[in-house]
Amino acid sequence: MSKERYIQAKQRWAEKQRAAGVTARQVRSEDRLPPGQKLTDGFPVLDLGIQPVPPLDQWSLEINGLVEAPRTLSWADFLALPQVDDVSDYHCVTTWSKFDCAWRGVSFLSLYELVRPTAAAAFVYFTSRDGYSTNVPLEKCLDDDVLIATHFDGKPLTPEHGAPARVIIPKLYAWKGAKFLSGIEFLAEDRLGFWELRGYSNGGDPWTEDRYA
């Protein structure tokens, strides 16, 4: 199946699920709390110890690699893309989970359509202004709840939560979602990210407790 047909199929499936009143998270498990996790009402902050937030007129997002139309987006360019709202659960590898997180931002699918990855692209490598990086199979990024988020609970992201834009991939552990996003690279082969090089799993599936390599 081509990637275009894959996206169309996923969109049709999501539309059918929404029409039936079922979300992807409910389909995955009747119990929303993955094994080994504890529910929290707070939102603990974990980062590399620095919070590099540039002025918005100096912010940019570089999208390159195996794409037909590489782009470097300014903040104005980014905000001109379709904005979406999504409510999802958030699972940290350190064993806490937070339900019903309300995000707003740009769907990864919008960026995918903008730069048009080639058929050889199979992985996505995210980089951040604090030196962080993480790697995700491309197919895991094509769910309609994967966002480059700019808002949380109706307010712009704060520096401790990765302002002004961070990656949200609800079906994976949260370390797969880079804060302070600066780059997205499409690759043919996998490239380990910051924590993956330090012993974390390459997969990061909360439902199988895929925490460490």
N, C-alpha and C. Protein backbone atom coordinates (compact mmCIF):
# COMPACT_ATOMS: atom_id res chain seq x y z
N MET A 1 0.84 -1.19 0.00
CA MET A 1 0.00 0.00 0.00
C MET A 1 0.89 1.25 0.00
N SER A 2 0.58 2.20 -0.89
CA SER A 2 1.33 3.44 -0.89
C SER A 2 1.02 4.24 0.37
N LYS A 3 1.92 5.20 0.70
CA LYS A 3 1.69 5.99 1.90
C LYS A 3 0.44 6.86 1.76
N GLU A 4 0.15 7.31 0.53
CA GLU A 4 -1.06 8.11 0.33
C GLU A 4 -2.30 7.27 0.63
N ARG A 5 -2.33 6.04 0.11
CA ARG A 5 -3.48 5.17 0.37
C ARG A 5 -3.54 4.78 1.84
N TYR A 6 -2.37 4.64 2.47
CA TYR A 6 -2.33 4.32 3.90
C TYR A 6 -2.98 5.43 4.72
N ILE A 7 -2.65 6.69 4.40
CA ILE A 7 -3.24 7.81 5.11
C ILE A 7 -4.75 7.85 4.88
N GLN A 8 -5.17 7.66 3.64
CA GLN A 8 -6.60 7.69 3.35
C GLN A 8 -7.33 6.58 4.10
N ALA A 9 -6.72 5.41 4.16
CA ALA A 9 -7.35 4.30 4.87
C ALA A 9 -7.48 4.61 6.36
N LYS A 10 -6.43 5.19 6.94
CA LYS A 10 -6.48 5.52 8.36
C LYS A 10 -7.52 6.60 8.63
N GLN A 11 -7.64 7.54 7.73
CA GLN A 11 -8.63 8.59 7.90
C GLN A 11 -10.04 8.03 7.82
N ARG A 12 -10.27 7.12 6.88
CA ARG A 12 -11.60 6.50 6.77
C ARG A 12 -11.92 5.70 8.02
N TRP A 13 -10.93 4.97 8.53
CA TRP A 13 -11.14 4.19 9.75
C TRP A 13 -11.47 5.11 10.91
N ALA A 14 -10.73 6.21 11.05
CA ALA A 14 -10.98 7.14 12.16
C ALA A 14 -12.36 7.76 12.06
N GLU A 15 -12.79 8.08 10.84
CA GLU A 15 -14.12 8.66 10.66
C GLU A 15 -15.21 7.67 11.08
N LYS A 16 -15.03 6.40 10.72
CA LYS A 16 -16.01 5.38 11.11
C LYS A 16 -16.04 5.22 12.63
N GLN A 17 -14.86 5.27 13.26
CA GLN A 17 -14.81 5.11 14.71
C GLN A 17 -15.48 6.29 15.40
N ARG A 18 -15.21 7.50 14.89
CA ARG A 18 -15.83 8.69 15.50
C ARG A 18 -17.34 8.66 15.31
N ALA A 19 -17.80 8.22 14.13
CA ALA A 19 -19.24 8.13 13.88
C ALA A 19 -19.91 7.14 14.82
N ALA A 20 -19.15 6.11 15.21
CA ALA A 20 -19.69 5.11 16.13
C ALA A 20 -19.48 5.49 17.59
N GLY A 21 -18.86 6.64 17.83
CA GLY A 21 -18.61 7.09 19.19
C GLY A 21 -17.48 6.36 19.87
N VAL A 22 -16.55 5.82 19.09
CA VAL A 22 -15.43 5.06 19.63
C VAL A 22 -14.13 5.75 19.27
N THR A 23 -13.21 5.89 20.22
CA THR A 23 -11.91 6.47 19.93
C THR A 23 -10.87 5.37 19.80
N ALA A 24 -9.74 5.73 19.23
CA ALA A 24 -8.66 4.74 19.09
C ALA A 24 -8.21 4.21 20.44
N ARG A 25 -8.21 5.06 21.45
CA ARG A 25 -7.77 4.62 22.77
C ARG A 25 -8.75 3.62 23.38
N GLN A 26 -10.04 3.80 23.14
CA GLN A 26 -11.01 2.84 23.64
C GLN A 26 -10.92 1.51 22.90
N VAL A 27 -10.62 1.58 21.62
CA VAL A 27 -10.45 0.36 20.85
C VAL A 27 -9.25 -0.43 21.38
N ARG A 28 -8.17 0.28 21.72
CA ARG A 28 -6.94 -0.38 22.15
C ARG A 28 -7.13 -1.15 23.46
N SER A 29 -7.88 -0.61 24.40
CA SER A 29 -8.03 -1.25 25.69
C SER A 29 -9.21 -0.65 26.42
N GLU A 30 -10.00 -1.49 27.07
CA GLU A 30 -11.08 -0.98 27.90
C GLU A 30 -10.53 -0.28 29.13
N ASP A 31 -9.37 -0.68 29.57
CA ASP A 31 -8.70 -0.03 30.70
C ASP A 31 -7.73 0.99 30.14
N ARG A 32 -7.93 2.26 30.44
CA ARG A 32 -7.10 3.32 29.86
C ARG A 32 -5.72 3.38 30.49
N LEU A 33 -5.54 2.79 31.66
CA LEU A 33 -4.25 2.89 32.36
C LEU A 33 -3.38 1.70 31.98
N PRO A 34 -2.26 1.95 31.29
CA PRO A 34 -1.38 0.84 30.90
C PRO A 34 -0.77 0.13 32.11
N PRO A 35 -0.29 -1.08 31.92
CA PRO A 35 0.34 -1.83 33.02
C PRO A 35 1.51 -1.05 33.63
N GLY A 36 1.62 -1.11 34.96
CA GLY A 36 2.75 -0.49 35.65
C GLY A 36 2.65 1.01 35.83
N GLN A 37 1.54 1.63 35.40
CA GLN A 37 1.38 3.07 35.49
C GLN A 37 0.48 3.46 36.66
N LYS A 38 0.69 4.67 37.19
CA LYS A 38 -0.14 5.23 38.25
C LYS A 38 -0.70 6.56 37.77
N LEU A 39 -1.97 6.77 38.03
CA LEU A 39 -2.63 7.98 37.56
C LEU A 39 -2.27 9.18 38.43
N THR A 40 -2.03 10.34 37.78
CA THR A 40 -1.75 11.57 38.51
C THR A 40 -2.64 12.69 38.00
N ASP A 41 -2.97 13.63 38.90
CA ASP A 41 -3.71 14.83 38.49
C ASP A 41 -2.75 15.95 38.12
N GLY A 42 -1.49 15.82 38.52
CA GLY A 42 -0.50 16.83 38.21
C GLY A 42 0.12 16.60 36.84
N PHE A 43 1.19 17.33 36.57
CA PHE A 43 1.90 17.16 35.31
C PHE A 43 3.39 17.35 35.60
N PRO A 44 4.05 16.28 36.10
CA PRO A 44 5.49 16.40 36.41
C PRO A 44 6.29 16.86 35.20
N VAL A 45 7.35 17.60 35.46
CA VAL A 45 8.18 18.17 34.40
C VAL A 45 9.51 17.43 34.36
N LEU A 46 9.85 16.89 33.20
CA LEU A 46 11.12 16.21 32.99
C LEU A 46 11.76 16.78 31.73
N ASP A 47 13.02 17.21 31.85
CA ASP A 47 13.75 17.69 30.68
C ASP A 47 15.24 17.51 30.93
N LEU A 48 16.07 18.09 30.07
CA LEU A 48 17.52 17.94 30.21
C LEU A 48 18.13 19.03 31.07
N GLY A 49 17.30 19.85 31.70
CA GLY A 49 17.81 20.85 32.62
C GLY A 49 17.93 22.24 32.04
N ILE A 50 17.63 22.40 30.75
CA ILE A 50 17.63 23.73 30.15
C ILE A 50 16.34 23.89 29.36
N GLN A 51 15.90 25.13 29.21
CA GLN A 51 14.64 25.42 28.52
C GLN A 51 14.88 26.51 27.48
N PRO A 52 15.40 26.13 26.31
CA PRO A 52 15.80 27.11 25.29
C PRO A 52 14.61 27.59 24.46
N VAL A 53 13.99 28.67 24.87
CA VAL A 53 12.82 29.18 24.17
C VAL A 53 13.20 30.47 23.45
N PRO A 54 13.34 30.44 22.12
CA PRO A 54 13.73 31.64 21.39
C PRO A 54 12.55 32.59 21.23
N PRO A 55 12.79 33.88 20.96
CA PRO A 55 11.69 34.76 20.57
C PRO A 55 10.98 34.17 19.36
N LEU A 56 9.67 34.34 19.31
CA LEU A 56 8.90 33.70 18.24
C LEU A 56 9.30 34.17 16.86
N ASP A 57 9.80 35.42 16.75
CA ASP A 57 10.22 35.89 15.43
C ASP A 57 11.56 35.30 15.01
N GLN A 58 12.20 34.52 15.92
CA GLN A 58 13.43 33.83 15.58
C GLN A 58 13.26 32.30 15.55
N TRP A 59 12.06 31.85 15.85
CA TRP A 59 11.79 30.41 15.87
C TRP A 59 11.68 29.87 14.44
N SER A 60 12.13 28.63 14.24
CA SER A 60 11.96 27.98 12.95
C SER A 60 11.89 26.47 13.16
N LEU A 61 11.27 25.80 12.20
CA LEU A 61 11.20 24.34 12.20
C LEU A 61 11.67 23.85 10.84
N GLU A 62 12.76 23.10 10.84
CA GLU A 62 13.32 22.57 9.60
C GLU A 62 12.82 21.16 9.38
N ILE A 63 12.23 20.91 8.22
CA ILE A 63 11.71 19.58 7.88
C ILE A 63 12.42 19.13 6.61
N ASN A 64 13.19 18.06 6.71
CA ASN A 64 14.01 17.65 5.57
C ASN A 64 14.22 16.15 5.57
N GLY A 65 15.24 15.70 4.86
CA GLY A 65 15.51 14.27 4.69
C GLY A 65 14.90 13.77 3.40
N LEU A 66 14.29 12.60 3.45
CA LEU A 66 13.74 11.96 2.26
C LEU A 66 12.35 12.52 1.97
N VAL A 67 12.32 13.77 1.50
CA VAL A 67 11.07 14.45 1.18
C VAL A 67 11.20 15.13 -0.18
N GLU A 68 10.09 15.31 -0.84
CA GLU A 68 10.10 15.98 -2.14
C GLU A 68 10.18 17.50 -2.01
N ALA A 69 9.69 18.03 -0.89
CA ALA A 69 9.62 19.49 -0.74
C ALA A 69 10.08 19.91 0.65
N PRO A 70 11.40 19.87 0.92
CA PRO A 70 11.88 20.29 2.24
C PRO A 70 11.46 21.72 2.54
N ARG A 71 11.19 21.97 3.81
CA ARG A 71 10.72 23.29 4.20
C ARG A 71 11.39 23.72 5.50
N THR A 72 11.60 25.03 5.62
CA THR A 72 11.95 25.63 6.90
C THR A 72 10.84 26.61 7.23
N LEU A 73 10.07 26.29 8.26
CA LEU A 73 8.89 27.08 8.61
C LEU A 73 9.22 28.11 9.68
N SER A 74 8.79 29.33 9.46
CA SER A 74 8.81 30.33 10.53
C SER A 74 7.62 30.09 11.44
N TRP A 75 7.56 30.81 12.55
CA TRP A 75 6.41 30.67 13.45
C TRP A 75 5.12 31.07 12.73
N ALA A 76 5.19 32.13 11.94
CA ALA A 76 4.01 32.56 11.17
C ALA A 76 3.60 31.49 10.17
N ASP A 77 4.57 30.88 9.49
CA ASP A 77 4.27 29.79 8.56
C ASP A 77 3.57 28.64 9.27
N PHE A 78 4.10 28.31 10.44
CA PHE A 78 3.57 27.18 11.20
C PHE A 78 2.12 27.44 11.64
N LEU A 79 1.86 28.65 12.12
CA LEU A 79 0.51 28.98 12.57
C LEU A 79 -0.47 29.09 11.42
N ALA A 80 0.03 29.28 10.20
CA ALA A 80 -0.85 29.37 9.04
C ALA A 80 -1.35 28.00 8.60
N LEU A 81 -0.75 26.93 9.10
CA LEU A 81 -1.20 25.58 8.79
C LEU A 81 -2.48 25.28 9.57
N PRO A 82 -3.29 24.32 9.11
CA PRO A 82 -4.52 23.99 9.83
C PRO A 82 -4.23 23.62 11.29
N GLN A 83 -5.00 24.19 12.21
CA GLN A 83 -4.85 23.93 13.63
C GLN A 83 -5.94 22.96 14.08
N VAL A 84 -5.56 21.99 14.90
CA VAL A 84 -6.52 20.98 15.36
C VAL A 84 -6.46 20.87 16.88
N ASP A 85 -7.55 20.42 17.45
CA ASP A 85 -7.64 20.14 18.88
C ASP A 85 -7.76 18.64 19.09
N ASP A 86 -7.12 18.13 20.14
CA ASP A 86 -7.22 16.70 20.43
C ASP A 86 -7.08 16.49 21.93
N VAL A 87 -7.87 15.57 22.45
CA VAL A 87 -7.77 15.17 23.86
C VAL A 87 -7.26 13.75 23.91
N SER A 88 -6.17 13.54 24.63
CA SER A 88 -5.56 12.21 24.67
C SER A 88 -4.94 11.98 26.05
N ASP A 89 -4.56 10.74 26.30
CA ASP A 89 -3.89 10.39 27.55
C ASP A 89 -2.38 10.43 27.35
N TYR A 90 -1.66 10.64 28.45
CA TYR A 90 -0.22 10.90 28.40
C TYR A 90 0.45 9.93 29.37
N HIS A 91 1.40 9.15 28.87
CA HIS A 91 2.02 8.10 29.68
C HIS A 91 3.54 8.30 29.73
N CYS A 92 4.06 8.53 30.91
CA CYS A 92 5.51 8.72 31.08
C CYS A 92 6.17 7.39 31.46
N VAL A 93 7.36 7.16 30.95
CA VAL A 93 8.07 5.93 31.23
C VAL A 93 8.42 5.79 32.71
N THR A 94 8.41 6.90 33.44
CA THR A 94 8.70 6.86 34.88
C THR A 94 7.49 6.44 35.70
N THR A 95 6.47 5.88 35.05
CA THR A 95 5.32 5.16 35.60
C THR A 95 4.14 6.04 36.00
N TRP A 96 4.07 7.29 35.57
CA TRP A 96 2.86 8.07 35.82
C TRP A 96 2.13 8.33 34.51
N SER A 97 0.83 8.46 34.63
CA SER A 97 -0.03 8.75 33.49
C SER A 97 -1.00 9.88 33.86
N LYS A 98 -1.36 10.68 32.86
CA LYS A 98 -2.33 11.74 33.04
C LYS A 98 -3.40 11.58 31.96
N PHE A 99 -4.66 11.54 32.40
CA PHE A 99 -5.76 11.36 31.45
C PHE A 99 -6.26 12.70 30.93
N ASP A 100 -6.87 12.65 29.75
CA ASP A 100 -7.63 13.77 29.18
C ASP A 100 -6.81 15.05 29.06
N CYS A 101 -5.66 14.94 28.44
CA CYS A 101 -4.83 16.13 28.17
C CYS A 101 -5.35 16.79 26.89
N ALA A 102 -5.67 18.06 27.00
CA ALA A 102 -6.24 18.81 25.87
C ALA A 102 -5.14 19.58 25.17
N TRP A 103 -4.83 19.18 23.95
CA TRP A 103 -3.76 19.80 23.16
C TRP A 103 -4.35 20.53 21.96
N ARG A 104 -3.62 21.52 21.49
CA ARG A 104 -3.94 22.18 20.22
C ARG A 104 -2.65 22.39 19.47
N GLY A 105 -2.69 22.19 18.16
CA GLY A 105 -1.49 22.38 17.36
C GLY A 105 -1.72 21.95 15.92
N VAL A 106 -0.64 21.54 15.27
CA VAL A 106 -0.67 21.13 13.87
C VAL A 106 -0.53 19.61 13.81
N SER A 107 -1.44 18.97 13.10
CA SER A 107 -1.36 17.53 12.93
C SER A 107 -0.09 17.15 12.18
N PHE A 108 0.54 16.05 12.60
CA PHE A 108 1.69 15.55 11.86
C PHE A 108 1.31 15.26 10.41
N LEU A 109 0.07 14.82 10.19
CA LEU A 109 -0.37 14.54 8.83
C LEU A 109 -0.30 15.78 7.94
N SER A 110 -0.55 16.95 8.51
CA SER A 110 -0.45 18.19 7.72
C SER A 110 0.98 18.43 7.27
N LEU A 111 1.94 18.17 8.15
CA LEU A 111 3.34 18.34 7.78
C LEU A 111 3.76 17.29 6.76
N TYR A 112 3.24 16.07 6.94
CA TYR A 112 3.52 14.99 5.99
C TYR A 112 3.08 15.40 4.58
N GLU A 113 1.87 15.93 4.49
CA GLU A 113 1.35 16.33 3.19
C GLU A 113 2.09 17.54 2.63
N LEU A 114 2.60 18.38 3.51
CA LEU A 114 3.32 19.58 3.07
C LEU A 114 4.64 19.24 2.40
N VAL A 115 5.41 18.32 3.01
CA VAL A 115 6.76 18.04 2.49
C VAL A 115 6.82 16.80 1.59
N ARG A 116 5.80 15.98 1.63
CA ARG A 116 5.67 14.81 0.75
C ARG A 116 6.88 13.87 0.83
N PRO A 117 6.99 13.08 1.91
CA PRO A 117 8.07 12.11 2.01
C PRO A 117 8.08 11.13 0.83
N THR A 118 9.26 10.70 0.46
CA THR A 118 9.40 9.73 -0.63
C THR A 118 9.03 8.34 -0.13
N ALA A 119 8.90 7.41 -1.07
CA ALA A 119 8.54 6.04 -0.71
C ALA A 119 9.61 5.37 0.15
N ALA A 120 10.84 5.89 0.11
CA ALA A 120 11.92 5.30 0.90
C ALA A 120 11.86 5.68 2.37
N ALA A 121 11.12 6.72 2.71
CA ALA A 121 11.07 7.19 4.10
C ALA A 121 10.35 6.18 4.97
N ALA A 122 10.97 5.77 6.09
CA ALA A 122 10.38 4.78 6.98
C ALA A 122 10.47 5.17 8.45
N PHE A 123 11.29 6.18 8.75
CA PHE A 123 11.48 6.62 10.14
C PHE A 123 11.47 8.14 10.20
N VAL A 124 11.15 8.65 11.39
CA VAL A 124 11.15 10.08 11.63
C VAL A 124 12.09 10.36 12.80
N TYR A 125 12.97 11.34 12.63
CA TYR A 125 13.95 11.70 13.66
C TYR A 125 13.67 13.15 14.07
N PHE A 126 13.27 13.32 15.33
CA PHE A 126 12.94 14.64 15.86
C PHE A 126 14.12 15.20 16.65
N THR A 127 14.45 16.48 16.44
CA THR A 127 15.52 17.13 17.19
C THR A 127 14.98 18.38 17.88
N SER A 128 15.66 18.76 18.97
CA SER A 128 15.20 19.85 19.82
C SER A 128 16.31 20.84 20.09
N ARG A 129 15.91 22.01 20.53
CA ARG A 129 16.88 23.08 20.80
C ARG A 129 17.75 22.82 22.03
N ASP A 130 17.35 21.90 22.88
CA ASP A 130 18.16 21.59 24.06
C ASP A 130 19.11 20.42 23.82
N GLY A 131 19.23 19.96 22.57
CA GLY A 131 20.11 18.84 22.26
C GLY A 131 19.43 17.49 22.33
N TYR A 132 18.15 17.48 22.63
CA TYR A 132 17.40 16.23 22.72
C TYR A 132 17.07 15.72 21.32
N SER A 133 16.83 14.42 21.22
CA SER A 133 16.41 13.82 19.95
C SER A 133 15.64 12.55 20.26
N THR A 134 14.82 12.14 19.33
CA THR A 134 14.13 10.86 19.47
C THR A 134 13.72 10.35 18.10
N ASN A 135 13.56 9.04 18.01
CA ASN A 135 13.28 8.37 16.74
C ASN A 135 11.98 7.59 16.83
N VAL A 136 11.18 7.65 15.76
CA VAL A 136 9.87 7.00 15.73
C VAL A 136 9.64 6.43 14.33
N PRO A 137 9.14 5.20 14.23
CA PRO A 137 8.75 4.70 12.91
C PRO A 137 7.70 5.62 12.28
N LEU A 138 7.80 5.85 11.00
CA LEU A 138 6.89 6.77 10.33
C LEU A 138 5.44 6.37 10.53
N GLU A 139 5.13 5.08 10.45
CA GLU A 139 3.74 4.67 10.55
C GLU A 139 3.15 5.03 11.92
N LYS A 140 3.98 5.12 12.96
CA LYS A 140 3.49 5.50 14.29
C LYS A 140 3.13 6.98 14.35
N CYS A 141 3.64 7.75 13.41
CA CYS A 141 3.37 9.19 13.39
C CYS A 141 2.14 9.54 12.58
N LEU A 142 1.55 8.57 11.89
CA LEU A 142 0.47 8.86 10.97
C LEU A 142 -0.92 8.75 11.58
N ASP A 143 -1.01 8.49 12.89
CA ASP A 143 -2.31 8.53 13.55
C ASP A 143 -2.79 9.97 13.63
N ASP A 144 -4.11 10.14 13.63
CA ASP A 144 -4.62 11.51 13.59
C ASP A 144 -4.55 12.21 14.94
N ASP A 145 -4.05 11.53 16.00
CA ASP A 145 -3.85 12.20 17.28
C ASP A 145 -2.39 12.60 17.52
N VAL A 146 -1.54 12.44 16.51
CA VAL A 146 -0.13 12.87 16.63
C VAL A 146 -0.05 14.34 16.21
N LEU A 147 0.43 15.17 17.12
CA LEU A 147 0.43 16.61 16.91
C LEU A 147 1.80 17.22 17.16
N ILE A 148 2.04 18.36 16.53
CA ILE A 148 3.06 19.30 17.00
C ILE A 148 2.26 20.33 17.79
N ALA A 149 2.26 20.19 19.10
CA ALA A 149 1.37 20.96 19.95
C ALA A 149 1.98 22.31 20.31
N THR A 150 1.11 23.31 20.36
CA THR A 150 1.49 24.67 20.77
C THR A 150 0.72 25.12 22.00
N HIS A 151 -0.38 24.43 22.33
CA HIS A 151 -1.24 24.81 23.45
C HIS A 151 -1.58 23.58 24.30
N PHE A 152 -1.74 23.80 25.58
CA PHE A 152 -2.19 22.78 26.51
C PHE A 152 -3.26 23.38 27.41
N ASP A 153 -4.39 22.71 27.51
CA ASP A 153 -5.53 23.20 28.30
C ASP A 153 -5.92 24.62 27.92
N GLY A 154 -5.88 24.92 26.63
CA GLY A 154 -6.34 26.19 26.14
C GLY A 154 -5.36 27.34 26.25
N LYS A 155 -4.14 27.07 26.73
CA LYS A 155 -3.15 28.12 26.90
C LYS A 155 -1.86 27.75 26.15
N PRO A 156 -1.12 28.75 25.68
CA PRO A 156 0.16 28.44 25.02
C PRO A 156 1.07 27.64 25.94
N LEU A 157 1.84 26.74 25.35
CA LEU A 157 2.79 25.97 26.14
C LEU A 157 3.73 26.88 26.91
N THR A 158 4.04 26.50 28.13
CA THR A 158 5.02 27.20 28.94
C THR A 158 6.40 26.58 28.71
N PRO A 159 7.47 27.27 29.08
CA PRO A 159 8.81 26.71 28.85
C PRO A 159 9.01 25.33 29.46
N GLU A 160 8.48 25.08 30.66
CA GLU A 160 8.70 23.77 31.27
C GLU A 160 8.01 22.65 30.50
N HIS A 161 7.05 23.01 29.67
CA HIS A 161 6.37 21.99 28.87
C HIS A 161 6.76 22.04 27.40
N GLY A 162 7.90 22.68 27.11
CA GLY A 162 8.47 22.57 25.77
C GLY A 162 8.11 23.66 24.79
N ALA A 163 7.76 24.84 25.29
CA ALA A 163 7.36 25.96 24.42
C ALA A 163 8.43 26.26 23.35
N PRO A 164 7.99 26.77 22.22
CA PRO A 164 6.59 27.02 21.86
C PRO A 164 5.91 25.86 21.16
N ALA A 165 6.65 24.78 20.83
CA ALA A 165 6.04 23.65 20.12
C ALA A 165 6.74 22.36 20.51
N ARG A 166 5.94 21.33 20.76
CA ARG A 166 6.46 20.02 21.15
C ARG A 166 5.68 18.93 20.45
N VAL A 167 6.27 17.74 20.40
CA VAL A 167 5.64 16.59 19.74
C VAL A 167 4.80 15.81 20.75
N ILE A 168 3.59 15.43 20.34
CA ILE A 168 2.72 14.60 21.15
C ILE A 168 2.37 13.34 20.35
N ILE A 169 2.76 12.17 20.89
CA ILE A 169 2.44 10.89 20.26
C ILE A 169 1.77 10.04 21.34
N PRO A 170 0.45 10.16 21.50
CA PRO A 170 -0.22 9.59 22.67
C PRO A 170 -0.07 8.09 22.86
N LYS A 171 0.09 7.33 21.79
CA LYS A 171 0.13 5.87 21.92
C LYS A 171 1.52 5.34 22.30
N LEU A 172 2.50 6.23 22.42
CA LEU A 172 3.84 5.84 22.86
C LEU A 172 4.17 6.55 24.17
N TYR A 173 5.17 6.02 24.90
CA TYR A 173 5.65 6.72 26.09
C TYR A 173 6.08 8.14 25.71
N ALA A 174 5.94 9.05 26.66
CA ALA A 174 6.08 10.47 26.37
C ALA A 174 7.50 10.87 25.97
N TRP A 175 8.52 10.05 26.30
CA TRP A 175 9.87 10.46 25.89
C TRP A 175 10.01 10.48 24.37
N LYS A 176 9.09 9.81 23.66
CA LYS A 176 9.13 9.82 22.20
C LYS A 176 8.64 11.16 21.62
N GLY A 177 8.07 12.01 22.46
CA GLY A 177 7.60 13.32 22.02
C GLY A 177 8.55 14.42 22.44
N ALA A 178 9.34 14.93 21.52
CA ALA A 178 10.39 15.90 21.82
C ALA A 178 9.81 17.28 22.16
N LYS A 179 10.32 17.89 23.24
CA LYS A 179 10.01 19.28 23.56
C LYS A 179 10.93 20.20 22.74
N PHE A 180 10.61 21.49 22.76
CA PHE A 180 11.47 22.52 22.14
C PHE A 180 11.85 22.14 20.70
N LEU A 181 10.87 21.68 19.95
CA LEU A 181 11.13 21.09 18.64
C LEU A 181 11.82 22.06 17.69
N SER A 182 12.84 21.57 17.00
CA SER A 182 13.55 22.39 16.01
C SER A 182 13.67 21.72 14.65
N GLY A 183 13.60 20.38 14.61
CA GLY A 183 13.79 19.71 13.33
C GLY A 183 13.04 18.39 13.23
N ILE A 184 12.63 18.07 12.01
CA ILE A 184 12.01 16.78 11.70
C ILE A 184 12.70 16.26 10.45
N GLU A 185 13.30 15.07 10.56
CA GLU A 185 14.01 14.49 9.43
C GLU A 185 13.41 13.13 9.10
N PHE A 186 13.12 12.91 7.83
CA PHE A 186 12.58 11.64 7.36
C PHE A 186 13.74 10.78 6.86
N LEU A 187 13.82 9.55 7.36
CA LEU A 187 14.96 8.67 7.10
C LEU A 187 14.52 7.33 6.54
N ALA A 188 15.42 6.68 5.81
CA ALA A 188 15.17 5.33 5.32
C ALA A 188 15.49 4.29 6.39
N GLU A 189 16.50 4.59 7.21
CA GLU A 189 16.93 3.67 8.26
C GLU A 189 16.82 4.34 9.61
N ASP A 190 16.65 3.53 10.64
CA ASP A 190 16.48 4.04 11.99
C ASP A 190 17.76 4.70 12.50
N ARG A 191 17.60 5.75 13.29
CA ARG A 191 18.72 6.41 13.95
C ARG A 191 18.34 6.63 15.41
N LEU A 192 19.10 6.08 16.34
CA LEU A 192 18.74 6.14 17.75
C LEU A 192 18.75 7.57 18.26
N GLY A 193 17.80 7.87 19.13
CA GLY A 193 17.70 9.19 19.75
C GLY A 193 18.44 9.26 21.08
N PHE A 194 18.21 10.36 21.80
CA PHE A 194 18.95 10.63 23.04
C PHE A 194 18.82 9.50 24.06
N TRP A 195 17.59 9.12 24.42
CA TRP A 195 17.41 8.09 25.44
C TRP A 195 17.60 6.70 24.86
N GLU A 196 17.32 6.52 23.59
CA GLU A 196 17.54 5.22 22.97
C GLU A 196 19.02 4.84 22.99
N LEU A 197 19.90 5.84 22.87
CA LEU A 197 21.34 5.59 22.96
C LEU A 197 21.78 5.30 24.40
N ARG A 198 20.90 5.58 25.36
CA ARG A 198 21.23 5.41 26.77
C ARG A 198 20.45 4.28 27.42
N GLY A 199 19.97 3.35 26.61
CA GLY A 199 19.39 2.13 27.14
C GLY A 199 17.88 2.03 27.12
N TYR A 200 17.18 3.08 26.65
CA TYR A 200 15.74 2.98 26.54
C TYR A 200 15.37 2.14 25.31
N SER A 201 14.14 1.60 25.35
CA SER A 201 13.65 0.80 24.23
C SER A 201 13.54 1.64 22.97
N ASN A 202 13.58 0.97 21.85
CA ASN A 202 13.35 1.66 20.59
C ASN A 202 11.86 1.82 20.30
N GLY A 203 11.03 0.99 20.96
CA GLY A 203 9.61 0.99 20.66
C GLY A 203 8.80 1.97 21.50
N GLY A 204 8.84 1.80 22.82
CA GLY A 204 8.15 2.73 23.71
C GLY A 204 6.65 2.54 23.79
N ASP A 205 6.16 1.30 23.66
CA ASP A 205 4.73 1.03 23.73
C ASP A 205 4.30 0.85 25.19
N PRO A 206 3.47 1.75 25.74
CA PRO A 206 3.06 1.63 27.14
C PRO A 206 2.29 0.36 27.45
N TRP A 207 1.57 -0.16 26.47
CA TRP A 207 0.69 -1.31 26.74
C TRP A 207 1.46 -2.61 26.86
N THR A 208 2.71 -2.64 26.41
CA THR A 208 3.56 -3.82 26.60
C THR A 208 4.70 -3.53 27.56
N GLU A 209 4.65 -2.36 28.23
CA GLU A 209 5.73 -1.92 29.15
C GLU A 209 7.09 -1.99 28.47
N ASP A 210 7.13 -1.52 27.25
CA ASP A 210 8.35 -1.54 26.45
C ASP A 210 9.21 -0.34 26.82
N ARG A 211 9.82 -0.42 27.98
CA ARG A 211 10.54 0.73 28.55
C ARG A 211 12.02 0.74 28.20
N TYR A 212 12.68 -0.39 28.35
CA TYR A 212 14.14 -0.41 28.22
C TYR A 212 14.59 -1.52 27.26
N ALA A 213 15.73 -1.26 26.62
CA ALA A 213 16.26 -2.21 25.66
C ALA A 213 16.82 -3.44 26.38
